[in-house]
Each structure stands twice: as C-alpha cells, then as structure tokens.
PDB file of N, CA and C in Angstrom:
ATOM      1  N   UNK A   1      85.836  57.422 289.350  1.00  0.00           N
ATOM      2  CA  UNK A   1      86.921  58.201 288.796  1.00  0.00           C
ATOM      3  C   UNK A   1      86.427  58.911 287.546  1.00  0.00           C
ATOM      4  N   UNK A   2      86.480  60.206 287.532  1.00  0.00           N
ATOM      5  CA  UNK A   2      86.014  60.998 286.409  1.00  0.00           C
ATOM      6  C   UNK A   2      87.218  61.479 285.605  1.00  0.00           C
ATOM      7  N   UNK A   3      87.421  60.887 284.422  1.00  0.00           N
ATOM      8  CA  UNK A   3      88.554  61.298 283.602  1.00  0.00           C
ATOM      9  C   UNK A   3      88.081  62.218 282.498  1.00  0.00           C
ATOM     10  N   UNK A   4      88.949  63.131 282.127  1.00  0.00           N
ATOM     11  CA  UNK A   4      88.639  64.085 281.077  1.00  0.00           C
ATOM     12  C   UNK A   4      88.905  63.444 279.723  1.00  0.00           C
ATOM     13  N   UNK A   5      87.862  63.320 278.899  1.00  0.00           N
ATOM     14  CA  UNK A   5      88.039  62.723 277.580  1.00  0.00           C
ATOM     15  C   UNK A   5      88.103  63.775 276.482  1.00  0.00           C
ATOM     16  N   UNK A   6      87.990  65.051 276.852  1.00  0.00           N
ATOM     17  CA  UNK A   6      88.096  66.117 275.856  1.00  0.00           C
ATOM     18  C   UNK A   6      89.559  66.287 275.465  1.00  0.00           C
ATOM     19  N   UNK A   7      89.812  66.410 274.175  1.00  0.00           N
ATOM     20  CA  UNK A   7      91.208  66.590 273.747  1.00  0.00           C
ATOM     21  C   UNK A   7      91.793  67.890 274.289  1.00  0.00           C
ATOM     22  N   UNK A   8      93.081  67.835 274.561  1.00  0.00           N
ATOM     23  CA  UNK A   8      93.782  69.035 274.994  1.00  0.00           C
ATOM     24  C   UNK A   8      95.177  69.008 274.380  1.00  0.00           C
ATOM     25  N   UNK A   9      95.822  70.143 274.339  1.00  0.00           N
ATOM     26  CA  UNK A   9      97.148  70.258 273.727  1.00  0.00           C
ATOM     27  C   UNK A   9      98.208  69.718 274.683  1.00  0.00           C
ATOM     28  N   UNK A  10      99.061  68.858 274.130  1.00  0.00           N
ATOM     29  CA  UNK A  10     100.181  68.296 274.883  1.00  0.00           C
ATOM     30  C   UNK A  10     101.453  68.600 274.093  1.00  0.00           C
ATOM     31  N   UNK A  11     102.494  68.994 274.786  1.00  0.00           N
ATOM     32  CA  UNK A  11     103.758  69.297 274.126  1.00  0.00           C
ATOM     33  C   UNK A  11     104.650  68.061 274.135  1.00  0.00           C
ATOM     34  N   UNK A  12     105.143  67.711 272.942  1.00  0.00           N
ATOM     35  CA  UNK A  12     106.114  66.625 272.827  1.00  0.00           C
ATOM     36  C   UNK A  12     107.396  67.202 272.229  1.00  0.00           C
ATOM     37  N   UNK A  13     108.512  66.588 272.558  1.00  0.00           N
ATOM     38  CA  UNK A  13     109.815  67.033 272.077  1.00  0.00           C
ATOM     39  C   UNK A  13     110.407  65.944 271.185  1.00  0.00           C
ATOM     40  N   UNK A  14     110.660  66.325 269.934  1.00  0.00           N
ATOM     41  CA  UNK A  14     111.236  65.380 268.976  1.00  0.00           C
ATOM     42  C   UNK A  14     112.381  66.088 268.263  1.00  0.00           C
ATOM     43  N   UNK A  15     113.556  65.521 268.387  1.00  0.00           N
ATOM     44  CA  UNK A  15     114.761  66.030 267.733  1.00  0.00           C
ATOM     45  C   UNK A  15     114.940  67.531 267.982  1.00  0.00           C
ATOM     46  N   UNK A  16     114.927  67.884 269.260  1.00  0.00           N
ATOM     47  CA  UNK A  16     115.190  69.258 269.717  1.00  0.00           C
ATOM     48  C   UNK A  16     114.130  70.274 269.291  1.00  0.00           C
ATOM     49  N   UNK A  17     112.963  69.816 268.909  1.00  0.00           N
ATOM     50  CA  UNK A  17     111.869  70.724 268.570  1.00  0.00           C
ATOM     51  C   UNK A  17     110.642  70.351 269.388  1.00  0.00           C
ATOM     52  N   UNK A  18     109.815  71.363 269.646  1.00  0.00           N
ATOM     53  CA  UNK A  18     108.571  71.145 270.367  1.00  0.00           C
ATOM     54  C   UNK A  18     107.414  71.081 269.384  1.00  0.00           C
ATOM     55  N   UNK A  19     106.505  70.153 269.647  1.00  0.00           N
ATOM     56  CA  UNK A  19     105.296  70.019 268.839  1.00  0.00           C
ATOM     57  C   UNK A  19     104.108  69.942 269.778  1.00  0.00           C
ATOM     58  N   UNK A  20     103.057  70.669 269.424  1.00  0.00           N
ATOM     59  CA  UNK A  20     101.815  70.606 270.183  1.00  0.00           C
ATOM     60  C   UNK A  20     100.909  69.588 269.504  1.00  0.00           C
ATOM     61  N   UNK A  21     100.449  68.615 270.277  1.00  0.00           N
ATOM     62  CA  UNK A  21      99.597  67.561 269.742  1.00  0.00           C
ATOM     63  C   UNK A  21      98.352  67.487 270.602  1.00  0.00           C
ATOM     64  N   UNK A  22      97.207  67.374 269.963  1.00  0.00           N
ATOM     65  CA  UNK A  22      95.954  67.278 270.684  1.00  0.00           C
ATOM     66  C   UNK A  22      95.656  65.814 271.000  1.00  0.00           C
ATOM     67  N   UNK A  23      95.355  65.533 272.266  1.00  0.00           N
ATOM     68  CA  UNK A  23      94.983  64.178 272.663  1.00  0.00           C
ATOM     69  C   UNK A  23      94.191  64.234 273.964  1.00  0.00           C
ATOM     70  N   UNK A  24      93.520  63.130 274.258  1.00  0.00           N
ATOM     71  CA  UNK A  24      92.780  63.029 275.516  1.00  0.00           C
ATOM     72  C   UNK A  24      93.736  62.595 276.618  1.00  0.00           C
ATOM     73  N   UNK A  25      93.284  62.680 277.851  1.00  0.00           N
ATOM     74  CA  UNK A  25      94.100  62.248 278.983  1.00  0.00           C
ATOM     75  C   UNK A  25      94.468  60.770 278.850  1.00  0.00           C
ATOM     76  N   UNK A  26      93.522  59.969 278.366  1.00  0.00           N
ATOM     77  CA  UNK A  26      93.751  58.532 278.219  1.00  0.00           C
ATOM     78  C   UNK A  26      94.827  58.232 277.169  1.00  0.00           C
ATOM     79  N   UNK A  27      94.968  59.087 276.185  1.00  0.00           N
ATOM     80  CA  UNK A  27      95.936  58.879 275.110  1.00  0.00           C
ATOM     81  C   UNK A  27      97.317  59.459 275.411  1.00  0.00           C
ATOM     82  N   UNK A  28      97.403  60.301 276.431  1.00  0.00           N
ATOM     83  CA  UNK A  28      98.631  61.048 276.677  1.00  0.00           C
ATOM     84  C   UNK A  28      99.831  60.136 276.932  1.00  0.00           C
ATOM     85  N   UNK A  29      99.685  59.108 277.725  1.00  0.00           N
ATOM     86  CA  UNK A  29     100.809  58.221 278.022  1.00  0.00           C
ATOM     87  C   UNK A  29     101.348  57.577 276.744  1.00  0.00           C
ATOM     88  N   UNK A  30     100.450  57.050 275.911  1.00  0.00           N
ATOM     89  CA  UNK A  30     100.877  56.435 274.653  1.00  0.00           C
ATOM     90  C   UNK A  30     101.498  57.450 273.706  1.00  0.00           C
ATOM     91  N   UNK A  31     100.958  58.654 273.684  1.00  0.00           N
ATOM     92  CA  UNK A  31     101.532  59.713 272.851  1.00  0.00           C
ATOM     93  C   UNK A  31     102.962  60.019 273.282  1.00  0.00           C
ATOM     94  N   UNK A  32     103.176  60.152 274.570  1.00  0.00           N
ATOM     95  CA  UNK A  32     104.515  60.462 275.073  1.00  0.00           C
ATOM     96  C   UNK A  32     105.491  59.328 274.760  1.00  0.00           C
ATOM     97  N   UNK A  33     105.050  58.099 274.921  1.00  0.00           N
ATOM     98  CA  UNK A  33     105.909  56.955 274.586  1.00  0.00           C
ATOM     99  C   UNK A  33     106.240  56.951 273.100  1.00  0.00           C
ATOM    100  N   UNK A  34     105.242  57.230 272.263  1.00  0.00           N
ATOM    101  CA  UNK A  34     105.460  57.264 270.815  1.00  0.00           C
ATOM    102  C   UNK A  34     106.433  58.368 270.432  1.00  0.00           C
ATOM    103  N   UNK A  35     106.253  59.536 271.016  1.00  0.00           N
ATOM    104  CA  UNK A  35     107.151  60.663 270.723  1.00  0.00           C
ATOM    105  C   UNK A  35     108.574  60.352 271.167  1.00  0.00           C
ATOM    106  N   UNK A  36     108.720  59.741 272.342  1.00  0.00           N
ATOM    107  CA  UNK A  36     110.058  59.362 272.825  1.00  0.00           C
ATOM    108  C   UNK A  36     110.704  58.350 271.894  1.00  0.00           C
ATOM    109  N   UNK A  37     109.927  57.385 271.430  1.00  0.00           N
ATOM    110  CA  UNK A  37     110.455  56.359 270.527  1.00  0.00           C
ATOM    111  C   UNK A  37     110.885  56.987 269.202  1.00  0.00           C
ATOM    112  N   UNK A  38     110.040  57.865 268.648  1.00  0.00           N
ATOM    113  CA  UNK A  38     110.374  58.547 267.404  1.00  0.00           C
ATOM    114  C   UNK A  38     111.620  59.411 267.583  1.00  0.00           C
ATOM    115  N   UNK A  39     111.705  60.125 268.691  1.00  0.00           N
ATOM    116  CA  UNK A  39     112.877  60.941 268.969  1.00  0.00           C
ATOM    117  C   UNK A  39     114.134  60.072 269.000  1.00  0.00           C
ATOM    118  N   UNK A  40     114.065  58.940 269.661  1.00  0.00           N
ATOM    119  CA  UNK A  40     115.206  58.021 269.743  1.00  0.00           C
ATOM    120  C   UNK A  40     115.623  57.556 268.352  1.00  0.00           C
ATOM    121  N   UNK A  41     114.657  57.150 267.531  1.00  0.00           N
ATOM    122  CA  UNK A  41     114.959  56.657 266.186  1.00  0.00           C
ATOM    123  C   UNK A  41     115.536  57.759 265.302  1.00  0.00           C
ATOM    124  N   UNK A  42     114.999  58.965 265.410  1.00  0.00           N
ATOM    125  CA  UNK A  42     115.520  60.075 264.615  1.00  0.00           C
ATOM    126  C   UNK A  42     116.939  60.440 265.048  1.00  0.00           C
ATOM    127  N   UNK A  43     117.212  60.373 266.340  1.00  0.00           N
ATOM    128  CA  UNK A  43     118.569  60.648 266.820  1.00  0.00           C
ATOM    129  C   UNK A  43     119.553  59.589 266.310  1.00  0.00           C
ATOM    130  N   UNK A  44     119.112  58.346 266.273  1.00  0.00           N
ATOM    131  CA  UNK A  44     119.970  57.281 265.738  1.00  0.00           C
ATOM    132  C   UNK A  44     120.333  57.559 264.282  1.00  0.00           C
ATOM    133  N   UNK A  45     119.345  57.980 263.496  1.00  0.00           N
ATOM    134  CA  UNK A  45     119.602  58.296 262.087  1.00  0.00           C
ATOM    135  C   UNK A  45     120.566  59.470 261.983  1.00  0.00           C
ATOM    136  N   UNK A  46     120.318  60.507 262.781  1.00  0.00           N
ATOM    137  CA  UNK A  46     121.166  61.707 262.738  1.00  0.00           C
ATOM    138  C   UNK A  46     122.602  61.401 263.163  1.00  0.00           C
ATOM    139  N   UNK A  47     122.758  60.540 264.168  1.00  0.00           N
ATOM    140  CA  UNK A  47     124.096  60.229 264.673  1.00  0.00           C
ATOM    141  C   UNK A  47     124.933  59.445 263.671  1.00  0.00           C
ATOM    142  N   UNK A  48     124.289  58.742 262.764  1.00  0.00           N
ATOM    143  CA  UNK A  48     125.044  58.027 261.735  1.00  0.00           C
ATOM    144  C   UNK A  48     125.719  59.002 260.787  1.00  0.00           C
ATOM    145  N   UNK A  49     125.202  60.251 260.733  1.00  0.00           N
ATOM    146  CA  UNK A  49     125.863  61.328 260.022  1.00  0.00           C
ATOM    147  C   UNK A  49     125.715  61.334 258.512  1.00  0.00           C
ATOM    148  N   UNK A  50     124.964  60.429 257.949  1.00  0.00           N
ATOM    149  CA  UNK A  50     124.846  60.383 256.490  1.00  0.00           C
ATOM    150  C   UNK A  50     123.646  61.179 255.980  1.00  0.00           C
ATOM    151  N   UNK A  51     122.690  61.454 256.848  1.00  0.00           N
ATOM    152  CA  UNK A  51     121.464  62.146 256.447  1.00  0.00           C
ATOM    153  C   UNK A  51     121.468  63.528 257.088  1.00  0.00           C
ATOM    154  N   UNK A  52     121.210  64.550 256.267  1.00  0.00           N
ATOM    155  CA  UNK A  52     121.168  65.928 256.760  1.00  0.00           C
ATOM    156  C   UNK A  52     119.776  66.484 256.518  1.00  0.00           C
ATOM    157  N   UNK A  53     119.270  67.189 257.499  1.00  0.00           N
ATOM    158  CA  UNK A  53     117.947  67.809 257.402  1.00  0.00           C
ATOM    159  C   UNK A  53     116.917  67.005 258.175  1.00  0.00           C
ATOM    160  N   UNK A  54     116.180  67.713 259.026  1.00  0.00           N
ATOM    161  CA  UNK A  54     115.233  67.015 259.896  1.00  0.00           C
ATOM    162  C   UNK A  54     114.120  66.313 259.118  1.00  0.00           C
ATOM    163  N   UNK A  55     113.714  66.874 257.957  1.00  0.00           N
ATOM    164  CA  UNK A  55     112.669  66.204 257.189  1.00  0.00           C
ATOM    165  C   UNK A  55     113.172  64.879 256.619  1.00  0.00           C
ATOM    166  N   UNK A  56     114.401  64.857 256.156  1.00  0.00           N
ATOM    167  CA  UNK A  56     114.984  63.603 255.633  1.00  0.00           C
ATOM    168  C   UNK A  56     115.217  62.602 256.761  1.00  0.00           C
ATOM    169  N   UNK A  57     115.672  63.096 257.899  1.00  0.00           N
ATOM    170  CA  UNK A  57     115.860  62.231 259.061  1.00  0.00           C
ATOM    171  C   UNK A  57     114.527  61.604 259.455  1.00  0.00           C
ATOM    172  N   UNK A  58     113.460  62.412 259.447  1.00  0.00           N
ATOM    173  CA  UNK A  58     112.130  61.909 259.811  1.00  0.00           C
ATOM    174  C   UNK A  58     111.671  60.823 258.841  1.00  0.00           C
ATOM    175  N   UNK A  59     111.918  61.018 257.547  1.00  0.00           N
ATOM    176  CA  UNK A  59     111.501  60.026 256.556  1.00  0.00           C
ATOM    177  C   UNK A  59     112.266  58.721 256.758  1.00  0.00           C
ATOM    178  N   UNK A  60     113.577  58.793 256.952  1.00  0.00           N
ATOM    179  CA  UNK A  60     114.378  57.586 257.156  1.00  0.00           C
ATOM    180  C   UNK A  60     113.963  56.886 258.450  1.00  0.00           C
ATOM    181  N   UNK A  61     113.731  57.654 259.510  1.00  0.00           N
ATOM    182  CA  UNK A  61     113.274  57.060 260.770  1.00  0.00           C
ATOM    183  C   UNK A  61     111.918  56.388 260.582  1.00  0.00           C
ATOM    184  N   UNK A  62     111.020  57.029 259.843  1.00  0.00           N
ATOM    185  CA  UNK A  62     109.701  56.441 259.581  1.00  0.00           C
ATOM    186  C   UNK A  62     109.823  55.142 258.790  1.00  0.00           C
ATOM    187  N   UNK A  63     110.725  55.132 257.805  1.00  0.00           N
ATOM    188  CA  UNK A  63     110.951  53.903 257.043  1.00  0.00           C
ATOM    189  C   UNK A  63     111.503  52.794 257.941  1.00  0.00           C
ATOM    190  N   UNK A  64     112.429  53.142 258.818  1.00  0.00           N
ATOM    191  CA  UNK A  64     112.981  52.139 259.739  1.00  0.00           C
ATOM    192  C   UNK A  64     111.915  51.590 260.681  1.00  0.00           C
ATOM    193  N   UNK A  65     111.076  52.463 261.210  1.00  0.00           N
ATOM    194  CA  UNK A  65     110.003  52.033 262.105  1.00  0.00           C
ATOM    195  C   UNK A  65     109.006  51.163 261.346  1.00  0.00           C
ATOM    196  N   UNK A  66     108.655  51.556 260.120  1.00  0.00           N
ATOM    197  CA  UNK A  66     107.736  50.755 259.297  1.00  0.00           C
ATOM    198  C   UNK A  66     108.314  49.373 259.056  1.00  0.00           C
ATOM    199  N   UNK A  67     109.604  49.320 258.771  1.00  0.00           N
ATOM    200  CA  UNK A  67     110.264  48.029 258.548  1.00  0.00           C
ATOM    201  C   UNK A  67     110.187  47.163 259.801  1.00  0.00           C
ATOM    202  N   UNK A  68     110.430  47.767 260.962  1.00  0.00           N
ATOM    203  CA  UNK A  68     110.325  47.027 262.229  1.00  0.00           C
ATOM    204  C   UNK A  68     108.931  46.439 262.399  1.00  0.00           C
ATOM    205  N   UNK A  69     107.909  47.252 262.144  1.00  0.00           N
ATOM    206  CA  UNK A  69     106.531  46.790 262.306  1.00  0.00           C
ATOM    207  C   UNK A  69     106.193  45.676 261.332  1.00  0.00           C
ATOM    208  N   UNK A  70     106.585  45.838 260.081  1.00  0.00           N
ATOM    209  CA  UNK A  70     106.303  44.807 259.087  1.00  0.00           C
ATOM    210  C   UNK A  70     107.035  43.514 259.407  1.00  0.00           C
ATOM    211  N   UNK A  71     108.268  43.624 259.872  1.00  0.00           N
ATOM    212  CA  UNK A  71     109.033  42.436 260.245  1.00  0.00           C
ATOM    213  C   UNK A  71     108.369  41.744 261.421  1.00  0.00           C
ATOM    214  N   UNK A  72     107.909  42.518 262.396  1.00  0.00           N
ATOM    215  CA  UNK A  72     107.213  41.927 263.542  1.00  0.00           C
ATOM    216  C   UNK A  72     105.941  41.237 263.089  1.00  0.00           C
ATOM    217  N   UNK A  73     105.179  41.874 262.186  1.00  0.00           N
ATOM    218  CA  UNK A  73     103.953  41.263 261.683  1.00  0.00           C
ATOM    219  C   UNK A  73     104.253  39.970 260.952  1.00  0.00           C
ATOM    220  N   UNK A  74     105.316  39.959 260.127  1.00  0.00           N
ATOM    221  CA  UNK A  74     105.690  38.746 259.411  1.00  0.00           C
ATOM    222  C   UNK A  74     106.110  37.653 260.383  1.00  0.00           C
ATOM    223  N   UNK A  75     106.909  38.022 261.393  1.00  0.00           N
ATOM    224  CA  UNK A  75     107.322  37.039 262.394  1.00  0.00           C
ATOM    225  C   UNK A  75     106.127  36.518 263.168  1.00  0.00           C
ATOM    226  N   UNK A  76     105.191  37.411 263.479  1.00  0.00           N
ATOM    227  CA  UNK A  76     103.982  36.995 264.191  1.00  0.00           C
ATOM    228  C   UNK A  76     103.183  36.012 263.336  1.00  0.00           C
ATOM    229  N   UNK A  77     103.077  36.286 262.049  1.00  0.00           N
ATOM    230  CA  UNK A  77     102.342  35.391 261.155  1.00  0.00           C
ATOM    231  C   UNK A  77     103.009  34.030 261.087  1.00  0.00           C
ATOM    232  N   UNK A  78     104.338  34.010 261.032  1.00  0.00           N
ATOM    233  CA  UNK A  78     105.067  32.745 261.002  1.00  0.00           C
ATOM    234  C   UNK A  78     104.827  31.967 262.291  1.00  0.00           C
ATOM    235  N   UNK A  79     104.904  32.662 263.416  1.00  0.00           N
ATOM    236  CA  UNK A  79     104.667  32.013 264.706  1.00  0.00           C
ATOM    237  C   UNK A  79     103.237  31.515 264.790  1.00  0.00           C
ATOM    238  N   UNK A  80     102.262  32.348 264.365  1.00  0.00           N
ATOM    239  CA  UNK A  80     100.863  31.947 264.394  1.00  0.00           C
ATOM    240  C   UNK A  80     100.639  30.695 263.547  1.00  0.00           C
ATOM    241  N   UNK A  81     101.245  30.653 262.358  1.00  0.00           N
ATOM    242  CA  UNK A  81     101.107  29.482 261.498  1.00  0.00           C
ATOM    243  C   UNK A  81     101.718  28.252 262.147  1.00  0.00           C
ATOM    244  N   UNK A  82     102.870  28.421 262.777  1.00  0.00           N
ATOM    245  CA  UNK A  82     103.537  27.311 263.449  1.00  0.00           C
ATOM    246  C   UNK A  82     102.676  26.782 264.595  1.00  0.00           C
ATOM    247  N   UNK A  83     102.129  27.690 265.397  1.00  0.00           N
ATOM    248  CA  UNK A  83     101.275  27.290 266.515  1.00  0.00           C
ATOM    249  C   UNK A  83     100.016  26.607 265.994  1.00  0.00           C
ATOM    250  N   UNK A  84      99.429  27.170 264.946  1.00  0.00           N
ATOM    251  CA  UNK A  84      98.226  26.557 264.361  1.00  0.00           C
ATOM    252  C   UNK A  84      98.507  25.147 263.871  1.00  0.00           C
ATOM    253  N   UNK A  85      99.651  24.959 263.241  1.00  0.00           N
ATOM    254  CA  UNK A  85     100.008  23.629 262.738  1.00  0.00           C
ATOM    255  C   UNK A  85     100.227  22.650 263.896  1.00  0.00           C
ATOM    256  N   UNK A  86     100.852  23.120 264.958  1.00  0.00           N
ATOM    257  CA  UNK A  86     101.080  22.252 266.115  1.00  0.00           C
ATOM    258  C   UNK A  86      99.759  21.862 266.764  1.00  0.00           C
ATOM    259  N   UNK A  87      98.842  22.821 266.857  1.00  0.00           N
ATOM    260  CA  UNK A  87      97.526  22.521 267.431  1.00  0.00           C
ATOM    261  C   UNK A  87      96.800  21.510 266.556  1.00  0.00           C
ATOM    262  N   UNK A  88      96.870  21.707 265.252  1.00  0.00           N
ATOM    263  CA  UNK A  88      96.233  20.768 264.332  1.00  0.00           C
ATOM    264  C   UNK A  88      96.816  19.365 264.492  1.00  0.00           C
ATOM    265  N   UNK A  89      98.139  19.263 264.600  1.00  0.00           N
ATOM    266  CA  UNK A  89      98.780  17.965 264.802  1.00  0.00           C
ATOM    267  C   UNK A  89      98.336  17.315 266.104  1.00  0.00           C
ATOM    268  N   UNK A  90      98.239  18.114 267.169  1.00  0.00           N
ATOM    269  CA  UNK A  90      97.771  17.585 268.449  1.00  0.00           C
ATOM    270  C   UNK A  90      96.326  17.103 268.361  1.00  0.00           C
ATOM    271  N   UNK A  91      95.489  17.872 267.660  1.00  0.00           N
ATOM    272  CA  UNK A  91      94.099  17.459 267.484  1.00  0.00           C
ATOM    273  C   UNK A  91      94.018  16.123 266.750  1.00  0.00           C
ATOM    274  N   UNK A  92      94.832  15.969 265.707  1.00  0.00           N
ATOM    275  CA  UNK A  92      94.842  14.719 264.958  1.00  0.00           C
ATOM    276  C   UNK A  92      95.284  13.557 265.833  1.00  0.00           C
ATOM    277  N   UNK A  93      96.306  13.762 266.661  1.00  0.00           N
ATOM    278  CA  UNK A  93      96.770  12.712 267.559  1.00  0.00           C
ATOM    279  C   UNK A  93      95.696  12.333 268.565  1.00  0.00           C
ATOM    280  N   UNK A  94      95.012  13.348 269.104  1.00  0.00           N
ATOM    281  CA  UNK A  94      93.942  13.081 270.064  1.00  0.00           C
ATOM    282  C   UNK A  94      92.816  12.295 269.396  1.00  0.00           C
ATOM    283  N   UNK A  95      92.425  12.733 268.199  1.00  0.00           N
ATOM    284  CA  UNK A  95      91.366  12.026 267.476  1.00  0.00           C
ATOM    285  C   UNK A  95      91.771  10.591 267.163  1.00  0.00           C
ATOM    286  N   UNK A  96      93.020  10.375 266.743  1.00  0.00           N
ATOM    287  CA  UNK A  96      93.510   9.022 266.464  1.00  0.00           C
ATOM    288  C   UNK A  96      93.468   8.159 267.715  1.00  0.00           C
ATOM    289  N   UNK A  97      93.911   8.754 268.827  1.00  0.00           N
ATOM    290  CA  UNK A  97      93.923   8.012 270.085  1.00  0.00           C
ATOM    291  C   UNK A  97      92.505   7.664 270.524  1.00  0.00           C
ATOM    292  N   UNK A  98      91.593   8.623 270.403  1.00  0.00           N
ATOM    293  CA  UNK A  98      90.196   8.362 270.759  1.00  0.00           C
ATOM    294  C   UNK A  98      89.595   7.280 269.857  1.00  0.00           C
ATOM    295  N   UNK A  99      89.891   7.345 268.574  1.00  0.00           N
ATOM    296  CA  UNK A  99      89.377   6.348 267.630  1.00  0.00           C
ATOM    297  C   UNK A  99      89.908   4.960 267.985  1.00  0.00           C
ATOM    298  N   UNK A 100      91.209   4.873 268.288  1.00  0.00           N
ATOM    299  CA  UNK A 100      91.805   3.587 268.649  1.00  0.00           C
ATOM    300  C   UNK A 100      91.195   3.041 269.936  1.00  0.00           C
ATOM    301  N   UNK A 101      90.952   3.915 270.909  1.00  0.00           N
ATOM    302  CA  UNK A 101      90.368   3.449 272.160  1.00  0.00           C
ATOM    303  C   UNK A 101      88.932   2.993 271.947  1.00  0.00           C
ATOM    304  N   UNK A 102      88.212   3.625 271.031  1.00  0.00           N
ATOM    305  CA  UNK A 102      86.853   3.197 270.723  1.00  0.00           C
ATOM    306  C   UNK A 102      86.879   1.840 270.025  1.00  0.00           C
ATOM    307  N   UNK A 103      87.843   1.604 269.179  1.00  0.00           N
ATOM    308  CA  UNK A 103      87.976   0.317 268.465  1.00  0.00           C
ATOM    309  C   UNK A 103      88.261  -0.794 269.454  1.00  0.00           C
ATOM    310  N   UNK A 104      89.040  -0.500 270.494  1.00  0.00           N
ATOM    311  CA  UNK A 104      89.362  -1.499 271.493  1.00  0.00           C
ATOM    312  C   UNK A 104      88.131  -1.881 272.315  1.00  0.00           C
ATOM    313  N   UNK A 105      87.222  -0.918 272.501  1.00  0.00           N
ATOM    314  CA  UNK A 105      86.020  -1.179 273.283  1.00  0.00           C
ATOM    315  C   UNK A 105      85.059  -2.099 272.542  1.00  0.00           C
ATOM    316  N   UNK A 106      85.071  -2.087 271.222  1.00  0.00           N
ATOM    317  CA  UNK A 106      84.166  -2.942 270.450  1.00  0.00           C
ATOM    318  C   UNK A 106      84.755  -4.276 270.375  1.00  0.00           C
TER     319      UNK A 106
END
C-alpha cells in the first residue's frame, strides 16, 4: 500500500467558516475529528449566548478544552497512583507469603 505522505490542503469547517489546513493523508482523519470537536465546543459556547465574537468564542472553547485535558491528566495520575499502590501492596503480600512458606520449609 503506497500512501501519500506529502502534505496537502484540507478544508475544515469550524463555526460556519472554512479553513485550509495542510496535513498528510495519515493525519487527515485526526484533523477532521479535531475540527469537528472544536466546532462542537465553539457552538456550545455560542449557544450559551454570553460570549459574542468568534475570536472570544474560540478562546473560551480553547480554555474549556484545556480544562478537560488537564482534568483527564489529573484523573489519570490519580488512577495510576492508585494502581501502583495496589500493585505494591500485592507484591508485599506475595513476598510475605513466599517468606512464610520458606520459613515453614526450614
């Protein structure tokens, strides 16, 4: 399979405007998903009716997306720490059990 890795212009639609973005064929799917997600978030901000102007809407949407990412990273870190602690506890139990079984053999 020969895929084109040279960048080419792709049109994305965000908040009723067209933007030309350069990307490779391999990146196009992710670009389209990202543009759709940004469009959705900007529409949510606009529909609340408190923010006027596409540049302000874009900034608020970007802040909301950044907050989502940071919250996910924090939650991931909490989960990772919890899993690490559980693994450590299991390792200690296994080591204790092995030590006790070795003591019984002597």
